[in-house]
Amino acid sequence: MADIDVGLTGGSGYTCRAGYTYVEITNQSNGTGIIDTVTVLSRSSPYGQTIVIGTLYGTFPSLTGRDTVTIGRGGGTVTGLSLDIEENDYIGHYFNSGYGNIHLLGVNASYAVVAGNAFGGTSTYETSEGRLKRVLTLYGSGETVAVGAIPQMLVSM
């Protein structure tokens, strides 16, 4: 098995609002398997917060949700997940309240957005000049899995 990564890490910077699905389009997945660890920075919300992390596939800007996990309030680094991903997939998030973080990174970085929780179907994501050189603070890692194989984390349960 080999390591998989998708998305990028960054620091706190600009906010991204609740009620939208944001997709990190700078670093697509480098393998097929299971994402078991996700790092997402969010800002606190006085009313609680549900963070949905999802993988998406397709030809940008038309992307379709593949799999999701709900990590609940807060964010940070969350382990023990089982999020299906395939090579060249994207990673994104949706907040029902509160704010996420966007980081000014540099050349060739960008993210995309669409209104609502769009992981349940196919949506056309928007980019703009204002989103260039900025990335979501969203990163996933895991391991590749051979087709038909049972992931090691499930074998040990």
Protein backbone atom coordinates (compact mmCIF):
# COMPACT_ATOMS: atom_id res chain seq x y z
CA MET A 1 0.00 0.00 0.00
CA ALA A 2 1.07 3.54 -0.71
CA ASP A 3 0.20 6.86 0.87
CA ILE A 4 -2.59 9.01 -0.59
CA ASP A 5 -2.92 12.74 -0.13
CA VAL A 6 -5.45 15.27 -1.37
CA GLY A 7 -5.96 18.97 -0.68
CA LEU A 8 -3.55 21.33 1.02
CA THR A 9 -2.78 22.58 4.49
CA GLY A 10 -2.43 26.22 5.33
CA GLY A 11 -2.90 28.60 8.16
CA SER A 12 -5.76 30.78 9.19
CA GLY A 13 -6.42 33.71 6.95
CA TYR A 14 -9.70 34.58 5.27
CA THR A 15 -13.06 33.10 6.23
CA CYS A 16 -15.36 31.00 4.09
CA ARG A 17 -19.05 31.17 4.95
CA ALA A 18 -21.44 28.44 5.98
CA GLY A 19 -24.05 27.17 3.54
CA TYR A 20 -21.67 26.51 0.63
CA THR A 21 -19.69 23.52 -0.58
CA TYR A 22 -16.03 24.45 -1.03
CA VAL A 23 -13.67 22.27 -3.08
CA GLU A 24 -9.87 22.39 -3.00
CA ILE A 25 -8.85 22.09 -6.67
CA THR A 26 -5.09 22.59 -6.33
CA ASN A 27 -4.03 19.10 -5.23
CA GLN A 28 -6.11 16.19 -6.55
CA SER A 29 -5.78 12.70 -5.07
CA ASN A 30 -2.66 10.77 -6.06
CA GLY A 31 -4.22 7.32 -5.56
CA THR A 32 -7.29 5.15 -5.04
CA GLY A 33 -8.16 3.94 -1.56
CA ILE A 34 -9.38 5.21 1.79
CA ILE A 35 -8.81 8.62 3.40
CA ASP A 36 -8.56 7.97 7.15
CA THR A 37 -7.26 11.34 8.39
CA VAL A 38 -8.53 14.82 7.58
CA THR A 39 -7.26 18.20 8.76
CA VAL A 40 -9.71 21.09 8.47
CA LEU A 41 -9.50 24.44 10.21
CA SER A 42 -12.77 26.08 11.15
CA ARG A 43 -13.76 29.06 13.20
CA SER A 44 -16.08 28.60 16.15
CA SER A 45 -19.81 29.02 15.90
CA PRO A 46 -22.00 29.86 18.90
CA TYR A 47 -24.78 27.59 17.57
CA GLY A 48 -22.74 24.45 17.01
CA GLN A 49 -21.47 23.26 13.69
CA THR A 50 -21.69 20.28 11.41
CA ILE A 51 -18.76 19.82 9.04
CA VAL A 52 -19.28 17.44 6.13
CA ILE A 53 -16.12 16.35 4.33
CA GLY A 54 -16.53 14.80 0.90
CA THR A 55 -14.68 13.48 -2.11
CA LEU A 56 -15.73 14.47 -5.60
CA TYR A 57 -14.92 13.33 -9.12
CA GLY A 58 -15.43 14.58 -12.66
CA THR A 59 -14.07 17.08 -15.11
CA PHE A 60 -13.80 20.46 -13.43
CA PRO A 61 -15.98 22.53 -13.08
CA SER A 62 -18.68 19.79 -13.18
CA LEU A 63 -18.09 17.56 -10.14
CA THR A 64 -20.09 14.74 -8.55
CA GLY A 65 -19.95 13.68 -4.92
CA ARG A 66 -18.35 10.26 -4.33
CA ASP A 67 -18.40 9.80 -0.52
CA THR A 68 -18.90 11.87 2.64
CA VAL A 69 -18.22 11.76 6.36
CA THR A 70 -19.59 14.11 9.00
CA ILE A 71 -17.00 15.15 11.55
CA GLY A 72 -19.18 17.37 13.70
CA ARG A 73 -18.17 20.47 15.56
CA GLY A 74 -14.81 22.16 15.44
CA GLY A 75 -12.39 20.65 13.04
CA GLY A 76 -8.67 20.19 13.51
CA THR A 77 -7.17 16.79 12.67
CA VAL A 78 -9.68 13.93 12.75
CA THR A 79 -8.52 10.30 12.48
CA GLY A 80 -10.27 6.94 12.14
CA LEU A 81 -12.32 7.99 9.11
CA SER A 82 -13.25 5.85 6.11
CA LEU A 83 -13.72 8.12 3.11
CA ASP A 84 -13.59 6.51 -0.34
CA ILE A 85 -11.37 8.26 -2.87
CA GLU A 86 -10.06 7.52 -6.34
CA GLU A 87 -7.07 8.86 -8.21
CA ASN A 88 -7.65 12.46 -9.39
CA ASP A 89 -10.60 13.02 -7.02
CA TYR A 90 -11.01 16.33 -5.20
CA ILE A 91 -11.76 16.97 -1.51
CA GLY A 92 -14.22 19.52 -0.20
CA HIS A 93 -16.26 20.57 2.82
CA TYR A 94 -19.63 21.97 3.78
CA PHE A 95 -20.39 23.84 7.04
CA ASN A 96 -23.98 24.26 8.22
CA SER A 97 -22.91 27.16 10.47
CA GLY A 98 -19.75 29.00 11.46
CA TYR A 99 -16.80 29.60 9.16
CA GLY A 100 -13.95 27.73 7.54
CA ASN A 101 -10.50 29.06 6.70
CA ILE A 102 -8.93 30.07 3.41
CA HIS A 103 -5.19 30.60 3.22
CA LEU A 104 -3.26 32.85 0.81
CA LEU A 105 -0.72 30.43 -0.67
CA GLY A 106 0.68 31.63 -3.95
CA VAL A 107 0.78 30.86 -7.65
CA ASN A 108 -1.28 27.98 -9.09
CA ALA A 109 -3.52 27.59 -6.05
CA SER A 110 -7.27 27.87 -6.10
CA TYR A 111 -10.53 26.62 -4.68
CA ALA A 112 -14.08 26.51 -6.03
CA VAL A 113 -17.52 26.98 -4.50
CA VAL A 114 -21.21 26.21 -5.05
CA ALA A 115 -24.22 27.09 -2.88
CA GLY A 116 -25.66 24.45 -0.56
CA ASN A 117 -24.51 20.96 0.38
CA ALA A 118 -23.65 19.65 -3.10
CA PHE A 119 -22.17 16.26 -2.22
CA GLY A 120 -25.40 14.42 -3.12
CA GLY A 121 -25.21 14.99 -6.87
CA THR A 122 -23.46 16.79 -9.71
CA SER A 123 -22.85 20.55 -9.53
CA THR A 124 -20.98 23.18 -11.50
CA TYR A 125 -18.42 24.86 -9.25
CA GLU A 126 -17.34 28.48 -9.66
CA THR A 127 -13.90 30.04 -9.44
CA SER A 128 -12.97 33.69 -9.72
CA GLU A 129 -9.92 35.94 -9.75
CA GLY A 130 -10.45 36.52 -6.03
CA ARG A 131 -10.03 32.79 -5.37
CA LEU A 132 -6.74 32.45 -7.22
CA LYS A 133 -3.65 31.99 -5.04
CA ARG A 134 -5.88 30.94 -2.12
CA VAL A 135 -6.54 27.45 -0.80
CA LEU A 136 -8.86 25.85 1.70
CA THR A 137 -7.26 24.71 4.90
CA LEU A 138 -8.37 21.16 4.09
CA TYR A 139 -6.13 18.12 3.70
CA GLY A 140 -6.81 14.38 3.64
CA SER A 141 -4.45 11.43 3.84
CA GLY A 142 -4.78 7.66 3.79
CA GLU A 143 -3.63 4.55 1.96
CA THR A 144 -4.21 2.99 -1.41
CA VAL A 145 -6.29 -0.16 -1.53
CA ALA A 146 -6.14 -2.79 -4.28
CA VAL A 147 -9.46 -3.35 -6.06
CA GLY A 148 -11.46 -5.90 -4.08
CA ALA A 149 -9.12 -5.77 -1.05
CA ILE A 150 -10.36 -5.14 2.48
CA PRO A 151 -8.63 -2.15 4.10
CA GLN A 152 -6.33 -3.12 6.99
CA MET A 153 -8.20 -0.88 9.41
CA LEU A 154 -11.35 -3.00 8.81
CA VAL A 155 -9.49 -6.29 9.13
CA SER A 156 -8.25 -5.33 12.60
CA MET A 157 -11.75 -4.48 13.93
